[in-house]
Amino acid sequence: MLHAQEILNLKKRLNEIYVKHTGQTYKTIEDALERDKFLTANDAKEFGLVDRVIDKRAEEPAAAKTQ
């Protein structure tokens, strides 16, 4: 039973961290994490999980490609 309580405490703490960093409500975070939820990059940005989406990586210099 102690192990189960630790898992619940950890889940609560992680939800609080998501609330702090995304600006979402606790209920929204709790609902989103209850089931597998896959987000596109833009959806993750709108949700507050990422700051920006990079559309294309910069080209590597030719010397870096050969190493």
PDB file of N, CA and C in Angstrom:
ATOM      1  N   MET A   1       0.825  -1.196   0.000  1.00  0.00           N
ATOM      2  CA  MET A   1       0.000   0.000   0.000  1.00  0.00           C
ATOM      3  C   MET A   1       0.872   1.264   0.000  1.00  0.00           C
ATOM      4  N   LEU A   2       1.987   1.202   0.677  1.00  0.00           N
ATOM      5  CA  LEU A   2       2.895   2.337   0.713  1.00  0.00           C
ATOM      6  C   LEU A   2       3.424   2.664  -0.680  1.00  0.00           C
ATOM      7  N   HIS A   3       3.726   1.627  -1.447  1.00  0.00           N
ATOM      8  CA  HIS A   3       4.223   1.818  -2.812  1.00  0.00           C
ATOM      9  C   HIS A   3       3.170   2.518  -3.675  1.00  0.00           C
ATOM     10  N   ALA A   4       1.920   2.106  -3.559  1.00  0.00           N
ATOM     11  CA  ALA A   4       0.834   2.723  -4.328  1.00  0.00           C
ATOM     12  C   ALA A   4       0.676   4.191  -3.952  1.00  0.00           C
ATOM     13  N   GLN A   5       0.802   4.512  -2.677  1.00  0.00           N
ATOM     14  CA  GLN A   5       0.683   5.903  -2.238  1.00  0.00           C
ATOM     15  C   GLN A   5       1.819   6.750  -2.796  1.00  0.00           C
ATOM     16  N   GLU A   6       3.007   6.191  -2.853  1.00  0.00           N
ATOM     17  CA  GLU A   6       4.150   6.907  -3.428  1.00  0.00           C
ATOM     18  C   GLU A   6       3.917   7.206  -4.904  1.00  0.00           C
ATOM     19  N   ILE A   7       3.351   6.256  -5.623  1.00  0.00           N
ATOM     20  CA  ILE A   7       3.044   6.463  -7.043  1.00  0.00           C
ATOM     21  C   ILE A   7       2.024   7.582  -7.196  1.00  0.00           C
ATOM     22  N   LEU A   8       0.995   7.580  -6.364  1.00  0.00           N
ATOM     23  CA  LEU A   8      -0.023   8.636  -6.430  1.00  0.00           C
ATOM     24  C   LEU A   8       0.576  10.000  -6.085  1.00  0.00           C
ATOM     25  N   ASN A   9       1.460  10.040  -5.102  1.00  0.00           N
ATOM     26  CA  ASN A   9       2.122  11.304  -4.741  1.00  0.00           C
ATOM     27  C   ASN A   9       2.991  11.817  -5.883  1.00  0.00           C
ATOM     28  N   LEU A  10       3.706  10.912  -6.530  1.00  0.00           N
ATOM     29  CA  LEU A  10       4.547  11.296  -7.664  1.00  0.00           C
ATOM     30  C   LEU A  10       3.698  11.822  -8.820  1.00  0.00           C
ATOM     31  N   LYS A  11       2.596  11.143  -9.097  1.00  0.00           N
ATOM     32  CA  LYS A  11       1.688  11.575 -10.168  1.00  0.00           C
ATOM     33  C   LYS A  11       1.145  12.978  -9.874  1.00  0.00           C
ATOM     34  N   LYS A  12       0.759  13.213  -8.618  1.00  0.00           N
ATOM     35  CA  LYS A  12       0.245  14.528  -8.227  1.00  0.00           C
ATOM     36  C   LYS A  12       1.317  15.601  -8.411  1.00  0.00           C
ATOM     37  N   ARG A  13       2.535  15.298  -7.993  1.00  0.00           N
ATOM     38  CA  ARG A  13       3.628  16.269  -8.111  1.00  0.00           C
ATOM     39  C   ARG A  13       3.942  16.586  -9.572  1.00  0.00           C
ATOM     40  N   LEU A  14       3.972  15.555 -10.410  1.00  0.00           N
ATOM     41  CA  LEU A  14       4.213  15.783 -11.841  1.00  0.00           C
ATOM     42  C   LEU A  14       3.105  16.631 -12.456  1.00  0.00           C
ATOM     43  N   ASN A  15       1.857  16.365 -12.078  1.00  0.00           N
ATOM     44  CA  ASN A  15       0.745  17.174 -12.577  1.00  0.00           C
ATOM     45  C   ASN A  15       0.916  18.631 -12.165  1.00  0.00           C
ATOM     46  N   GLU A  16       1.348  18.861 -10.920  1.00  0.00           N
ATOM     47  CA  GLU A  16       1.572  20.229 -10.446  1.00  0.00           C
ATOM     48  C   GLU A  16       2.671  20.927 -11.251  1.00  0.00           C
ATOM     49  N   ILE A  17       3.692  20.182 -11.613  1.00  0.00           N
ATOM     50  CA  ILE A  17       4.771  20.752 -12.434  1.00  0.00           C
ATOM     51  C   ILE A  17       4.238  21.135 -13.811  1.00  0.00           C
ATOM     52  N   TYR A  18       3.437  20.258 -14.424  1.00  0.00           N
ATOM     53  CA  TYR A  18       2.833  20.579 -15.722  1.00  0.00           C
ATOM     54  C   TYR A  18       1.937  21.807 -15.616  1.00  0.00           C
ATOM     55  N   VAL A  19       1.156  21.917 -14.548  1.00  0.00           N
ATOM     56  CA  VAL A  19       0.287  23.080 -14.351  1.00  0.00           C
ATOM     57  C   VAL A  19       1.130  24.352 -14.311  1.00  0.00           C
ATOM     58  N   LYS A  20       2.206  24.314 -13.549  1.00  0.00           N
ATOM     59  CA  LYS A  20       3.072  25.486 -13.403  1.00  0.00           C
ATOM     60  C   LYS A  20       3.678  25.919 -14.732  1.00  0.00           C
ATOM     61  N   HIS A  21       4.112  24.959 -15.523  1.00  0.00           N
ATOM     62  CA  HIS A  21       4.856  25.298 -16.740  1.00  0.00           C
ATOM     63  C   HIS A  21       3.996  25.451 -17.989  1.00  0.00           C
ATOM     64  N   THR A  22       2.771  24.922 -17.985  1.00  0.00           N
ATOM     65  CA  THR A  22       1.921  25.049 -19.169  1.00  0.00           C
ATOM     66  C   THR A  22       0.860  26.130 -19.034  1.00  0.00           C
ATOM     67  N   GLY A  23       0.509  26.478 -17.794  1.00  0.00           N
ATOM     68  CA  GLY A  23      -0.574  27.431 -17.596  1.00  0.00           C
ATOM     69  C   GLY A  23      -1.951  26.788 -17.668  1.00  0.00           C
ATOM     70  N   GLN A  24      -1.994  25.479 -17.822  1.00  0.00           N
ATOM     71  CA  GLN A  24      -3.270  24.753 -17.859  1.00  0.00           C
ATOM     72  C   GLN A  24      -3.768  24.534 -16.429  1.00  0.00           C
ATOM     73  N   THR A  25      -5.056  24.228 -16.296  1.00  0.00           N
ATOM     74  CA  THR A  25      -5.596  23.923 -14.974  1.00  0.00           C
ATOM     75  C   THR A  25      -5.180  22.514 -14.561  1.00  0.00           C
ATOM     76  N   TYR A  26      -5.261  22.252 -13.269  1.00  0.00           N
ATOM     77  CA  TYR A  26      -4.913  20.916 -12.767  1.00  0.00           C
ATOM     78  C   TYR A  26      -5.824  19.868 -13.395  1.00  0.00           C
ATOM     79  N   LYS A  27      -7.107  20.183 -13.498  1.00  0.00           N
ATOM     80  CA  LYS A  27      -8.080  19.241 -14.079  1.00  0.00           C
ATOM     81  C   LYS A  27      -7.740  18.948 -15.538  1.00  0.00           C
ATOM     82  N   THR A  28      -7.358  19.962 -16.296  1.00  0.00           N
ATOM     83  CA  THR A  28      -6.995  19.774 -17.705  1.00  0.00           C
ATOM     84  C   THR A  28      -5.787  18.857 -17.827  1.00  0.00           C
ATOM     85  N   ILE A  29      -4.785  19.089 -16.989  1.00  0.00           N
ATOM     86  CA  ILE A  29      -3.587  18.244 -17.003  1.00  0.00           C
ATOM     87  C   ILE A  29      -3.944  16.823 -16.597  1.00  0.00           C
ATOM     88  N   GLU A  30      -4.716  16.696 -15.542  1.00  0.00           N
ATOM     89  CA  GLU A  30      -5.121  15.372 -15.054  1.00  0.00           C
ATOM     90  C   GLU A  30      -5.853  14.591 -16.142  1.00  0.00           C
ATOM     91  N   ASP A  31      -6.778  15.246 -16.826  1.00  0.00           N
ATOM     92  CA  ASP A  31      -7.533  14.593 -17.906  1.00  0.00           C
ATOM     93  C   ASP A  31      -6.621  14.227 -19.076  1.00  0.00           C
ATOM     94  N   ALA A  32      -5.704  15.117 -19.423  1.00  0.00           N
ATOM     95  CA  ALA A  32      -4.814  14.878 -20.560  1.00  0.00           C
ATOM     96  C   ALA A  32      -3.878  13.702 -20.300  1.00  0.00           C
ATOM     97  N   LEU A  33      -3.467  13.514 -19.054  1.00  0.00           N
ATOM     98  CA  LEU A  33      -2.513  12.460 -18.728  1.00  0.00           C
ATOM     99  C   LEU A  33      -3.179  11.150 -18.312  1.00  0.00           C
ATOM    100  N   GLU A  34      -4.492  11.163 -18.194  1.00  0.00           N
ATOM    101  CA  GLU A  34      -5.208   9.951 -17.788  1.00  0.00           C
ATOM    102  C   GLU A  34      -5.092   8.850 -18.842  1.00  0.00           C
ATOM    103  N   ARG A  35      -5.089   9.223 -20.078  1.00  0.00           N
ATOM    104  CA  ARG A  35      -4.981   8.277 -21.194  1.00  0.00           C
ATOM    105  C   ARG A  35      -3.841   8.721 -22.104  1.00  0.00           C
ATOM    106  N   ASP A  36      -3.413   7.817 -22.973  1.00  0.00           N
ATOM    107  CA  ASP A  36      -2.407   8.198 -23.966  1.00  0.00           C
ATOM    108  C   ASP A  36      -2.986   9.284 -24.852  1.00  0.00           C
ATOM    109  N   LYS A  37      -2.283  10.365 -24.964  1.00  0.00           N
ATOM    110  CA  LYS A  37      -2.737  11.469 -25.808  1.00  0.00           C
ATOM    111  C   LYS A  37      -1.549  11.911 -26.645  1.00  0.00           C
ATOM    112  N   PHE A  38      -1.704  11.824 -27.931  1.00  0.00           N
ATOM    113  CA  PHE A  38      -0.630  12.196 -28.841  1.00  0.00           C
ATOM    114  C   PHE A  38      -0.925  13.573 -29.411  1.00  0.00           C
ATOM    115  N   LEU A  39       0.070  14.437 -29.385  1.00  0.00           N
ATOM    116  CA  LEU A  39      -0.082  15.802 -29.875  1.00  0.00           C
ATOM    117  C   LEU A  39       0.850  16.044 -31.050  1.00  0.00           C
ATOM    118  N   THR A  40       0.369  16.831 -31.991  1.00  0.00           N
ATOM    119  CA  THR A  40       1.267  17.304 -33.036  1.00  0.00           C
ATOM    120  C   THR A  40       2.176  18.358 -32.400  1.00  0.00           C
ATOM    121  N   ALA A  41       3.191  18.750 -33.113  1.00  0.00           N
ATOM    122  CA  ALA A  41       4.095  19.778 -32.593  1.00  0.00           C
ATOM    123  C   ALA A  41       3.332  21.068 -32.308  1.00  0.00           C
ATOM    124  N   ASN A  42       2.451  21.454 -33.209  1.00  0.00           N
ATOM    125  CA  ASN A  42       1.682  22.688 -33.012  1.00  0.00           C
ATOM    126  C   ASN A  42       0.696  22.560 -31.859  1.00  0.00           C
ATOM    127  N   ASP A  43       0.090  21.390 -31.698  1.00  0.00           N
ATOM    128  CA  ASP A  43      -0.810  21.163 -30.562  1.00  0.00           C
ATOM    129  C   ASP A  43      -0.042  21.266 -29.242  1.00  0.00           C
ATOM    130  N   ALA A  44       1.173  20.720 -29.215  1.00  0.00           N
ATOM    131  CA  ALA A  44       2.003  20.794 -28.011  1.00  0.00           C
ATOM    132  C   ALA A  44       2.342  22.246 -27.680  1.00  0.00           C
ATOM    133  N   LYS A  45       2.568  23.050 -28.713  1.00  0.00           N
ATOM    134  CA  LYS A  45       2.850  24.473 -28.491  1.00  0.00           C
ATOM    135  C   LYS A  45       1.620  25.176 -27.923  1.00  0.00           C
ATOM    136  N   GLU A  46       0.467  24.914 -28.515  1.00  0.00           N
ATOM    137  CA  GLU A  46      -0.771  25.532 -28.036  1.00  0.00           C
ATOM    138  C   GLU A  46      -1.093  25.107 -26.603  1.00  0.00           C
ATOM    139  N   PHE A  47      -0.765  23.881 -26.257  1.00  0.00           N
ATOM    140  CA  PHE A  47      -1.028  23.354 -24.916  1.00  0.00           C
ATOM    141  C   PHE A  47      -0.050  23.925 -23.886  1.00  0.00           C
ATOM    142  N   GLY A  48       1.086  24.425 -24.362  1.00  0.00           N
ATOM    143  CA  GLY A  48       2.075  25.013 -23.468  1.00  0.00           C
ATOM    144  C   GLY A  48       3.234  24.100 -23.120  1.00  0.00           C
ATOM    145  N   LEU A  49       3.344  22.963 -23.815  1.00  0.00           N
ATOM    146  CA  LEU A  49       4.423  22.017 -23.527  1.00  0.00           C
ATOM    147  C   LEU A  49       5.751  22.418 -24.157  1.00  0.00           C
ATOM    148  N   VAL A  50       5.696  23.130 -25.273  1.00  0.00           N
ATOM    149  CA  VAL A  50       6.914  23.581 -25.946  1.00  0.00           C
ATOM    150  C   VAL A  50       6.797  25.071 -26.224  1.00  0.00           C
ATOM    151  N   ASP A  51       7.935  25.723 -26.353  1.00  0.00           N
ATOM    152  CA  ASP A  51       7.948  27.165 -26.605  1.00  0.00           C
ATOM    153  C   ASP A  51       7.784  27.508 -28.075  1.00  0.00           C
ATOM    154  N   ARG A  52       8.399  26.687 -28.922  1.00  0.00           N
ATOM    155  CA  ARG A  52       8.293  26.953 -30.358  1.00  0.00           C
ATOM    156  C   ARG A  52       8.485  25.658 -31.131  1.00  0.00           C
ATOM    157  N   VAL A  53       8.053  25.706 -32.381  1.00  0.00           N
ATOM    158  CA  VAL A  53       8.174  24.559 -33.276  1.00  0.00           C
ATOM    159  C   VAL A  53       9.142  24.940 -34.382  1.00  0.00           C
ATOM    160  N   ILE A  54      10.118  24.094 -34.604  1.00  0.00           N
ATOM    161  CA  ILE A  54      11.086  24.324 -35.674  1.00  0.00           C
ATOM    162  C   ILE A  54      10.608  23.548 -36.891  1.00  0.00           C
ATOM    163  N   ASP A  55      10.365  24.254 -37.988  1.00  0.00           N
ATOM    164  CA  ASP A  55       9.850  23.612 -39.193  1.00  0.00           C
ATOM    165  C   ASP A  55      10.917  22.822 -39.929  1.00  0.00           C
ATOM    166  N   LYS A  56      12.127  23.356 -39.962  1.00  0.00           N
ATOM    167  CA  LYS A  56      13.190  22.718 -40.725  1.00  0.00           C
ATOM    168  C   LYS A  56      14.509  22.949 -40.015  1.00  0.00           C
ATOM    169  N   ARG A  57      15.300  21.900 -39.929  1.00  0.00           N
ATOM    170  CA  ARG A  57      16.624  22.046 -39.331  1.00  0.00           C
ATOM    171  C   ARG A  57      17.557  22.756 -40.297  1.00  0.00           C
ATOM    172  N   ALA A  58      18.506  23.483 -39.733  1.00  0.00           N
ATOM    173  CA  ALA A  58      19.525  24.133 -40.557  1.00  0.00           C
ATOM    174  C   ALA A  58      20.399  23.054 -41.180  1.00  0.00           C
ATOM    175  N   GLU A  59      20.860  23.310 -42.373  1.00  0.00           N
ATOM    176  CA  GLU A  59      21.747  22.366 -43.056  1.00  0.00           C
ATOM    177  C   GLU A  59      23.062  22.264 -42.301  1.00  0.00           C
ATOM    178  N   GLU A  60      23.587  21.037 -42.204  1.00  0.00           N
ATOM    179  CA  GLU A  60      24.894  20.832 -41.585  1.00  0.00           C
ATOM    180  C   GLU A  60      25.981  21.222 -42.580  1.00  0.00           C
ATOM    181  N   PRO A  61      27.077  21.772 -42.090  1.00  0.00           N
ATOM    182  CA  PRO A  61      28.208  22.026 -42.991  1.00  0.00           C
ATOM    183  C   PRO A  61      28.692  20.700 -43.580  1.00  0.00           C
ATOM    184  N   ALA A  62      29.217  20.735 -44.787  1.00  0.00           N
ATOM    185  CA  ALA A  62      29.671  19.521 -45.474  1.00  0.00           C
ATOM    186  C   ALA A  62      30.695  18.752 -44.651  1.00  0.00           C
ATOM    187  N   ALA A  63      31.569  19.431 -43.938  1.00  0.00           N
ATOM    188  CA  ALA A  63      32.598  18.762 -43.131  1.00  0.00           C
ATOM    189  C   ALA A  63      31.967  17.929 -42.018  1.00  0.00           C
ATOM    190  N   ALA A  64      30.883  18.382 -41.464  1.00  0.00           N
ATOM    191  CA  ALA A  64      30.227  17.656 -40.377  1.00  0.00           C
ATOM    192  C   ALA A  64      29.552  16.389 -40.883  1.00  0.00           C
ATOM    193  N   LYS A  65      29.110  16.386 -42.138  1.00  0.00           N
ATOM    194  CA  LYS A  65      28.429  15.222 -42.704  1.00  0.00           C
ATOM    195  C   LYS A  65      29.369  14.044 -42.912  1.00  0.00           C
ATOM    196  N   THR A  66      30.637  14.309 -43.151  1.00  0.00           N
ATOM    197  CA  THR A  66      31.587  13.232 -43.448  1.00  0.00           C
ATOM    198  C   THR A  66      32.132  12.581 -42.186  1.00  0.00           C
ATOM    199  N   GLN A  67      31.919  13.154 -41.049  1.00  0.00           N
ATOM    200  CA  GLN A  67      32.479  12.599 -39.804  1.00  0.00           C
ATOM    201  C   GLN A  67      31.589  11.579 -39.181  1.00  0.00           C
TER     202      GLN A  67
END
